[in-house]
Amino acid sequence: MDSVGLETQGHVQHLLHKLREVFDVCDEDADGFIRVEDFMDLGQQFAQGDEVVKLVKYLDPHDLGRINFKDFCQGVLAIKGKQLINAV
């Protein structure tokens, strides 16, 4: 693997580690899921209500009322990607 590939892999691993830290803080009962209700309560403290609702649509795409780590990561990366595209 070349140095660019290793650098990219390291960046991805670092990002996943940071996402896991955030996820674990939000996963109050450590069952591997964030309850959407708890996430919305937390989100209301830091964002406007409509922003939190939009965010939940990315994080809980199947409307199950809970967010697993995979959906959490995919949602954050989708939002981050949209922000990067909109910045260009």
C-alpha atoms as a PDB file:
ATOM      1  CA  MET A   1       0.000   0.000   0.000  1.00  0.00           C
ATOM      2  CA  ASP A   2       1.376   3.429  -0.882  1.00  0.00           C
ATOM      3  CA  SER A   3       1.784   6.306   1.566  1.00  0.00           C
ATOM      4  CA  VAL A   4      -1.391   8.043   0.355  1.00  0.00           C
ATOM      5  CA  GLY A   5      -3.404   4.883   0.971  1.00  0.00           C
ATOM      6  CA  LEU A   6      -1.922   4.499   4.450  1.00  0.00           C
ATOM      7  CA  GLU A   7      -2.619   8.150   5.213  1.00  0.00           C
ATOM      8  CA  THR A   8      -6.229   7.794   4.055  1.00  0.00           C
ATOM      9  CA  GLN A   9      -6.656   4.590   6.037  1.00  0.00           C
ATOM     10  CA  GLY A  10      -5.244   6.317   9.122  1.00  0.00           C
ATOM     11  CA  HIS A  11      -7.631   9.242   8.657  1.00  0.00           C
ATOM     12  CA  VAL A  12     -10.609   6.889   8.337  1.00  0.00           C
ATOM     13  CA  GLN A  13      -9.576   4.964  11.445  1.00  0.00           C
ATOM     14  CA  HIS A  14      -9.176   8.218  13.376  1.00  0.00           C
ATOM     15  CA  LEU A  15     -12.605   9.412  12.221  1.00  0.00           C
ATOM     16  CA  LEU A  16     -14.233   6.096  13.172  1.00  0.00           C
ATOM     17  CA  HIS A  17     -12.574   6.260  16.587  1.00  0.00           C
ATOM     18  CA  LYS A  18     -13.949   9.779  17.149  1.00  0.00           C
ATOM     19  CA  LEU A  19     -17.410   8.737  15.939  1.00  0.00           C
ATOM     20  CA  ARG A  20     -17.333   5.752  18.309  1.00  0.00           C
ATOM     21  CA  GLU A  21     -16.497   8.071  21.222  1.00  0.00           C
ATOM     22  CA  VAL A  22     -19.469  10.311  20.415  1.00  0.00           C
ATOM     23  CA  PHE A  23     -21.748   7.325  19.839  1.00  0.00           C
ATOM     24  CA  ASP A  24     -20.759   5.741  23.150  1.00  0.00           C
ATOM     25  CA  VAL A  25     -21.514   8.954  25.037  1.00  0.00           C
ATOM     26  CA  CYS A  26     -24.989   9.073  23.461  1.00  0.00           C
ATOM     27  CA  ASP A  27     -25.609   5.331  24.030  1.00  0.00           C
ATOM     28  CA  GLU A  28     -26.692   5.857  27.627  1.00  0.00           C
ATOM     29  CA  ASP A  29     -27.414   2.215  28.498  1.00  0.00           C
ATOM     30  CA  ALA A  30     -24.519   0.795  26.422  1.00  0.00           C
ATOM     31  CA  ASP A  31     -26.786  -1.552  24.453  1.00  0.00           C
ATOM     32  CA  GLY A  32     -25.298  -0.592  21.079  1.00  0.00           C
ATOM     33  CA  PHE A  33     -28.118   1.762  20.151  1.00  0.00           C
ATOM     34  CA  ILE A  34     -28.956   5.411  20.682  1.00  0.00           C
ATOM     35  CA  ARG A  35     -32.657   5.923  21.282  1.00  0.00           C
ATOM     36  CA  VAL A  36     -33.923   8.582  18.871  1.00  0.00           C
ATOM     37  CA  GLU A  37     -35.900  10.158  21.702  1.00  0.00           C
ATOM     38  CA  ASP A  38     -32.725  10.560  23.787  1.00  0.00           C
ATOM     39  CA  PHE A  39     -30.796  11.857  20.782  1.00  0.00           C
ATOM     40  CA  MET A  40     -33.488  14.430  20.058  1.00  0.00           C
ATOM     41  CA  ASP A  41     -33.508  15.558  23.689  1.00  0.00           C
ATOM     42  CA  LEU A  42     -29.735  15.977  23.555  1.00  0.00           C
ATOM     43  CA  GLY A  43     -29.869  17.645  20.157  1.00  0.00           C
ATOM     44  CA  GLN A  44     -32.442  20.184  21.353  1.00  0.00           C
ATOM     45  CA  GLN A  45     -29.817  21.489  23.773  1.00  0.00           C
ATOM     46  CA  PHE A  46     -27.368  22.259  20.953  1.00  0.00           C
ATOM     47  CA  ALA A  47     -29.450  22.909  17.817  1.00  0.00           C
ATOM     48  CA  GLN A  48     -32.819  24.111  16.651  1.00  0.00           C
ATOM     49  CA  GLY A  49     -35.592  21.534  16.593  1.00  0.00           C
ATOM     50  CA  ASP A  50     -35.957  21.323  12.812  1.00  0.00           C
ATOM     51  CA  GLU A  51     -32.199  20.731  12.427  1.00  0.00           C
ATOM     52  CA  VAL A  52     -32.385  17.824  14.865  1.00  0.00           C
ATOM     53  CA  VAL A  53     -35.338  16.299  13.011  1.00  0.00           C
ATOM     54  CA  LYS A  54     -33.409  16.488   9.711  1.00  0.00           C
ATOM     55  CA  LEU A  55     -30.371  14.938  11.365  1.00  0.00           C
ATOM     56  CA  VAL A  56     -32.429  12.069  12.769  1.00  0.00           C
ATOM     57  CA  LYS A  57     -33.672  11.260   9.247  1.00  0.00           C
ATOM     58  CA  TYR A  58     -30.056  10.596   8.275  1.00  0.00           C
ATOM     59  CA  LEU A  59     -29.184   8.699  11.444  1.00  0.00           C
ATOM     60  CA  ASP A  60     -32.331   6.560  11.642  1.00  0.00           C
ATOM     61  CA  PRO A  61     -33.097   6.012   7.928  1.00  0.00           C
ATOM     62  CA  HIS A  62     -35.417   3.064   8.593  1.00  0.00           C
ATOM     63  CA  ASP A  63     -37.423   4.972  11.247  1.00  0.00           C
ATOM     64  CA  LEU A  64     -36.853   2.288  13.892  1.00  0.00           C
ATOM     65  CA  GLY A  65     -36.632   4.706  16.805  1.00  0.00           C
ATOM     66  CA  ARG A  66     -33.037   3.748  17.502  1.00  0.00           C
ATOM     67  CA  ILE A  67     -29.687   4.399  15.883  1.00  0.00           C
ATOM     68  CA  ASN A  68     -26.993   1.758  15.561  1.00  0.00           C
ATOM     69  CA  PHE A  69     -23.322   2.611  15.060  1.00  0.00           C
ATOM     70  CA  LYS A  70     -23.353   1.798  11.334  1.00  0.00           C
ATOM     71  CA  ASP A  71     -26.304   4.119  10.628  1.00  0.00           C
ATOM     72  CA  PHE A  72     -24.745   6.752  12.890  1.00  0.00           C
ATOM     73  CA  CYS A  73     -21.514   6.689  10.875  1.00  0.00           C
ATOM     74  CA  GLN A  74     -23.291   6.629   7.512  1.00  0.00           C
ATOM     75  CA  GLY A  75     -25.508   9.539   8.553  1.00  0.00           C
ATOM     76  CA  VAL A  76     -22.631  11.654   9.818  1.00  0.00           C
ATOM     77  CA  LEU A  77     -20.583  10.942   6.694  1.00  0.00           C
ATOM     78  CA  ALA A  78     -23.564  11.766   4.447  1.00  0.00           C
ATOM     79  CA  ILE A  79     -24.056  15.073   6.230  1.00  0.00           C
ATOM     80  CA  LYS A  80     -20.343  15.821   6.175  1.00  0.00           C
ATOM     81  CA  GLY A  81     -20.247  15.027   2.459  1.00  0.00           C
ATOM     82  CA  LYS A  82     -23.155  17.361   1.762  1.00  0.00           C
ATOM     83  CA  GLN A  83     -21.431  20.137   3.692  1.00  0.00           C
ATOM     84  CA  LEU A  84     -18.261  19.638   1.659  1.00  0.00           C
ATOM     85  CA  ILE A  85     -20.211  19.657  -1.618  1.00  0.00           C
ATOM     86  CA  ASN A  86     -22.136  22.795  -0.602  1.00  0.00           C
ATOM     87  CA  ALA A  87     -18.885  24.540   0.346  1.00  0.00           C
ATOM     88  CA  VAL A  88     -17.462  24.104  -3.166  1.00  0.00           C
END
